[in-house]
């Protein structure tokens, strides 16, 4: 996976639990309960990279589909599909797909995002705000061990108990923001499989 994908997975997985603050804990537990009640989820988001000191500002869009151990992540010219046994990584600009075995021991995969919540972060409730007609609960998370990110801010849609925004701060002054544009649950979704017949001339690299 490229860095953008890894950051996305880290972002979503790290928001769901930490320790201590009772108000933040209640909000995160409601978020977890709501998420676990869904059969599947489809999230469309903006991914914004900013670093003012380096004059960087980039904006990409993506779609993440989750159902049990299966996921589909689409960002720009890359698609990653996992059916719990195999994983396909398709690079559209090269018309190439790599196939590899699913590694159940890998910690950062979308199918585990909403269950990896008990360790690694302390949190504090920042307060509430309003944005685009939504009442948001704001929570800051701080890693218990030193890593790439110093702090993560999350905003939860209080009415729906759903994620609205995630903003991650790295040690170099950079921020990585995921803004949810739409969230759907329990819908009809495509099979978690890469169909080579729908991609004429695709080069298949089977690493299984």
Protein backbone atom coordinates (compact mmCIF):
# COMPACT_ATOMS: atom_id res chain seq x y z
CA UNK A 1 0.00 0.00 0.00
CA UNK A 2 1.22 3.54 -0.64
CA UNK A 3 1.65 6.15 2.10
CA UNK A 4 -1.73 7.75 1.48
CA UNK A 5 -3.52 4.44 1.94
CA UNK A 6 -1.55 3.64 5.10
CA UNK A 7 -2.35 7.05 6.57
CA UNK A 8 -6.04 6.54 5.80
CA UNK A 9 -6.11 3.21 7.58
CA UNK A 10 -4.21 4.58 10.57
CA UNK A 11 -6.54 7.54 10.76
CA UNK A 12 -9.81 5.65 10.81
CA UNK A 13 -8.56 2.83 13.06
CA UNK A 14 -7.07 5.11 15.69
CA UNK A 15 -10.18 7.19 16.31
CA UNK A 16 -12.40 4.64 17.92
CA UNK A 17 -11.04 4.25 21.38
CA UNK A 18 -8.37 5.29 23.82
CA UNK A 19 -8.46 5.83 27.57
CA UNK A 20 -9.53 8.11 30.44
CA UNK A 21 -11.85 11.05 29.59
CA UNK A 22 -15.40 9.84 30.43
CA UNK A 23 -17.18 12.23 28.04
CA UNK A 24 -14.90 11.26 25.16
CA UNK A 25 -15.18 7.61 26.14
CA UNK A 26 -18.98 7.73 25.97
CA UNK A 27 -18.90 9.39 22.54
CA UNK A 28 -16.40 6.84 21.20
CA UNK A 29 -18.36 3.90 22.59
CA UNK A 30 -21.54 5.17 20.90
CA UNK A 31 -19.58 5.51 17.67
CA UNK A 32 -18.31 1.96 18.02
CA UNK A 33 -21.77 0.53 18.78
CA UNK A 34 -23.31 2.30 15.79
CA UNK A 35 -20.54 1.14 13.48
CA UNK A 36 -20.79 -2.49 14.61
CA UNK A 37 -24.55 -2.47 13.94
CA UNK A 38 -24.05 -1.95 10.20
CA UNK A 39 -23.93 -4.84 7.74
CA UNK A 40 -21.79 -2.74 5.41
CA UNK A 41 -20.61 0.85 5.02
CA UNK A 42 -19.70 3.08 2.08
CA UNK A 43 -17.80 6.26 2.88
CA UNK A 44 -16.92 8.94 0.32
CA UNK A 45 -14.29 11.37 1.59
CA UNK A 46 -11.89 14.18 0.75
CA UNK A 47 -8.25 13.64 1.70
CA UNK A 48 -6.39 16.91 2.24
CA UNK A 49 -2.63 17.18 2.82
CA UNK A 50 -1.29 20.50 4.12
CA UNK A 51 2.08 21.80 5.28
CA UNK A 52 2.30 25.59 5.35
CA UNK A 53 6.06 25.71 5.92
CA UNK A 54 6.61 23.62 2.79
CA UNK A 55 3.85 25.34 0.81
CA UNK A 56 2.00 22.05 0.30
CA UNK A 57 -1.74 21.69 -0.16
CA UNK A 58 -3.19 18.72 -2.00
CA UNK A 59 -6.71 17.39 -2.22
CA UNK A 60 -7.76 13.91 -3.31
CA UNK A 61 -11.02 12.03 -3.13
CA UNK A 62 -11.67 8.44 -2.17
CA UNK A 63 -14.33 5.83 -1.47
CA UNK A 64 -14.07 3.10 1.16
CA UNK A 65 -16.51 0.15 1.23
CA UNK A 66 -16.44 -2.21 4.23
CA UNK A 67 -18.27 -5.45 4.99
CA UNK A 68 -16.99 -7.85 7.65
CA UNK A 69 -13.52 -8.99 6.52
CA UNK A 70 -13.90 -7.51 3.04
CA UNK A 71 -13.06 -4.05 1.77
CA UNK A 72 -12.67 -1.94 -1.35
CA UNK A 73 -10.63 1.27 -1.27
CA UNK A 74 -10.58 3.57 -4.29
CA UNK A 75 -8.32 6.63 -4.42
CA UNK A 76 -7.41 8.39 -7.65
CA UNK A 77 -5.77 5.82 -9.94
CA UNK A 78 -5.48 3.05 -7.34
CA UNK A 79 -7.99 0.45 -6.19
CA UNK A 80 -7.41 -2.09 -3.41
CA UNK A 81 -9.85 -4.99 -3.00
CA UNK A 82 -9.74 -7.66 -0.31
CA UNK A 83 -12.15 -10.59 0.00
CA UNK A 84 -10.63 -12.01 3.18
CA UNK A 85 -8.50 -14.51 1.27
CA UNK A 86 -6.88 -12.56 -1.58
CA UNK A 87 -6.01 -8.91 -2.11
CA UNK A 88 -5.89 -7.09 -5.45
CA UNK A 89 -4.02 -3.81 -5.95
CA UNK A 90 -4.93 -2.21 -9.29
CA UNK A 91 -2.92 0.69 -10.70
CA UNK A 92 -5.02 2.30 -13.41
CA UNK A 93 -2.26 4.40 -14.95
CA UNK A 94 -0.20 1.25 -15.55
CA UNK A 95 -3.21 -1.02 -16.18
CA UNK A 96 -1.61 -3.49 -13.79
CA UNK A 97 -3.05 -5.55 -10.97
CA UNK A 98 -1.05 -7.30 -8.26
CA UNK A 99 -2.64 -10.24 -6.47
CA UNK A 100 -1.42 -11.42 -3.08
CA UNK A 101 -2.67 -13.55 -0.23
CA UNK A 102 -4.55 -11.78 2.53
CA UNK A 103 -2.47 -11.60 5.69
CA UNK A 104 -4.79 -12.03 8.70
CA UNK A 105 -1.98 -10.92 11.02
CA UNK A 106 -1.64 -7.51 9.38
CA UNK A 107 -2.88 -4.95 11.86
CA UNK A 108 -3.75 -2.07 9.57
CA UNK A 109 -6.45 -3.34 7.25
CA UNK A 110 -9.88 -1.73 6.83
CA UNK A 111 -11.76 -4.80 8.04
CA UNK A 112 -10.11 -4.33 11.44
CA UNK A 113 -10.49 -0.58 11.65
CA UNK A 114 -13.52 -0.56 13.90
CA UNK A 115 -12.27 -3.14 16.39
CA UNK A 116 -8.70 -1.95 17.05
CA UNK A 117 -9.67 0.54 19.74
CA UNK A 118 -8.46 -0.48 23.16
CA UNK A 119 -4.78 0.43 23.13
CA UNK A 120 -2.38 3.07 21.95
CA UNK A 121 -4.07 6.44 22.60
CA UNK A 122 -5.13 8.72 25.41
CA UNK A 123 -7.96 11.09 24.66
CA UNK A 124 -9.68 14.22 25.85
CA UNK A 125 -13.01 15.81 25.04
CA UNK A 126 -12.43 19.23 23.47
CA UNK A 127 -16.02 20.41 23.21
CA UNK A 128 -18.85 20.78 20.71
CA UNK A 129 -19.21 22.86 17.57
CA UNK A 130 -21.57 23.30 14.64
CA UNK A 131 -20.63 22.91 11.00
CA UNK A 132 -22.90 22.67 7.95
CA UNK A 133 -25.90 22.19 10.23
CA UNK A 134 -24.28 19.32 12.13
CA UNK A 135 -23.59 19.28 15.86
CA UNK A 136 -20.09 17.89 16.26
CA UNK A 137 -18.35 16.34 19.26
CA UNK A 138 -14.63 17.15 19.14
CA UNK A 139 -12.05 14.77 20.63
CA UNK A 140 -8.25 14.92 20.69
CA UNK A 141 -6.20 11.71 20.77
CA UNK A 142 -2.56 11.51 21.82
CA UNK A 143 -0.35 8.44 21.17
CA UNK A 144 0.97 6.68 24.25
CA UNK A 145 4.17 5.91 22.37
CA UNK A 146 6.13 8.19 20.06
CA UNK A 147 5.28 7.71 16.40
CA UNK A 148 4.72 9.56 13.16
CA UNK A 149 1.75 11.56 14.45
CA UNK A 150 1.73 13.84 17.50
CA UNK A 151 -2.02 14.33 17.74
CA UNK A 152 -5.26 13.32 16.06
CA UNK A 153 -8.41 15.47 16.12
CA UNK A 154 -11.71 13.80 15.38
CA UNK A 155 -15.19 15.24 14.90
CA UNK A 156 -18.22 13.00 15.44
CA UNK A 157 -21.68 13.79 14.10
CA UNK A 158 -23.52 13.73 17.43
CA UNK A 159 -26.96 13.08 15.92
CA UNK A 160 -25.88 10.06 13.87
CA UNK A 161 -22.89 8.80 15.90
CA UNK A 162 -20.83 8.79 12.72
CA UNK A 163 -17.41 10.14 11.83
CA UNK A 164 -17.47 13.57 10.20
CA UNK A 165 -13.80 14.57 10.11
CA UNK A 166 -10.36 13.26 11.10
CA UNK A 167 -7.27 15.48 11.21
CA UNK A 168 -3.82 14.05 11.92
CA UNK A 169 -0.81 16.17 12.87
CA UNK A 170 2.70 14.93 12.15
CA UNK A 171 6.01 16.05 13.68
CA UNK A 172 6.97 18.11 10.64
CA UNK A 173 4.04 20.50 10.77
CA UNK A 174 1.95 18.58 8.27
CA UNK A 175 -1.75 17.79 8.62
CA UNK A 176 -3.75 15.04 6.95
CA UNK A 177 -7.49 15.65 6.94
CA UNK A 178 -10.23 13.19 6.03
CA UNK A 179 -13.57 14.89 5.53
CA UNK A 180 -16.57 12.62 5.08
CA UNK A 181 -18.73 13.78 2.20
CA UNK A 182 -21.28 10.99 2.37
CA UNK A 183 -21.91 7.92 4.50
CA UNK A 184 -24.20 5.05 3.56
CA UNK A 185 -24.87 1.81 5.38
CA UNK A 186 -26.62 -1.49 4.65
CA UNK A 187 -26.74 -0.93 0.89
CA UNK A 188 -26.30 -3.20 -2.11
CA UNK A 189 -22.59 -3.29 -2.93
CA UNK A 190 -20.42 -4.87 -5.63
CA UNK A 191 -18.66 -8.19 -4.95
CA UNK A 192 -15.20 -7.88 -3.42
CA UNK A 193 -13.40 -9.23 -6.45
CA UNK A 194 -11.28 -7.79 -9.26
CA UNK A 195 -12.68 -8.86 -12.62
CA UNK A 196 -9.83 -8.86 -15.15
CA UNK A 197 -12.32 -9.28 -18.01
CA UNK A 198 -13.55 -5.74 -17.35
CA UNK A 199 -10.03 -4.33 -17.79
CA UNK A 200 -8.88 -5.07 -21.32
CA UNK A 201 -5.14 -5.74 -21.61
CA UNK A 202 -4.52 -5.59 -17.86
CA UNK A 203 -1.19 -7.05 -16.73
CA UNK A 204 -1.73 -9.55 -13.92
CA UNK A 205 1.09 -10.10 -11.42
CA UNK A 206 0.11 -13.00 -9.20
CA UNK A 207 2.22 -13.06 -6.02
CA UNK A 208 0.26 -15.74 -4.20
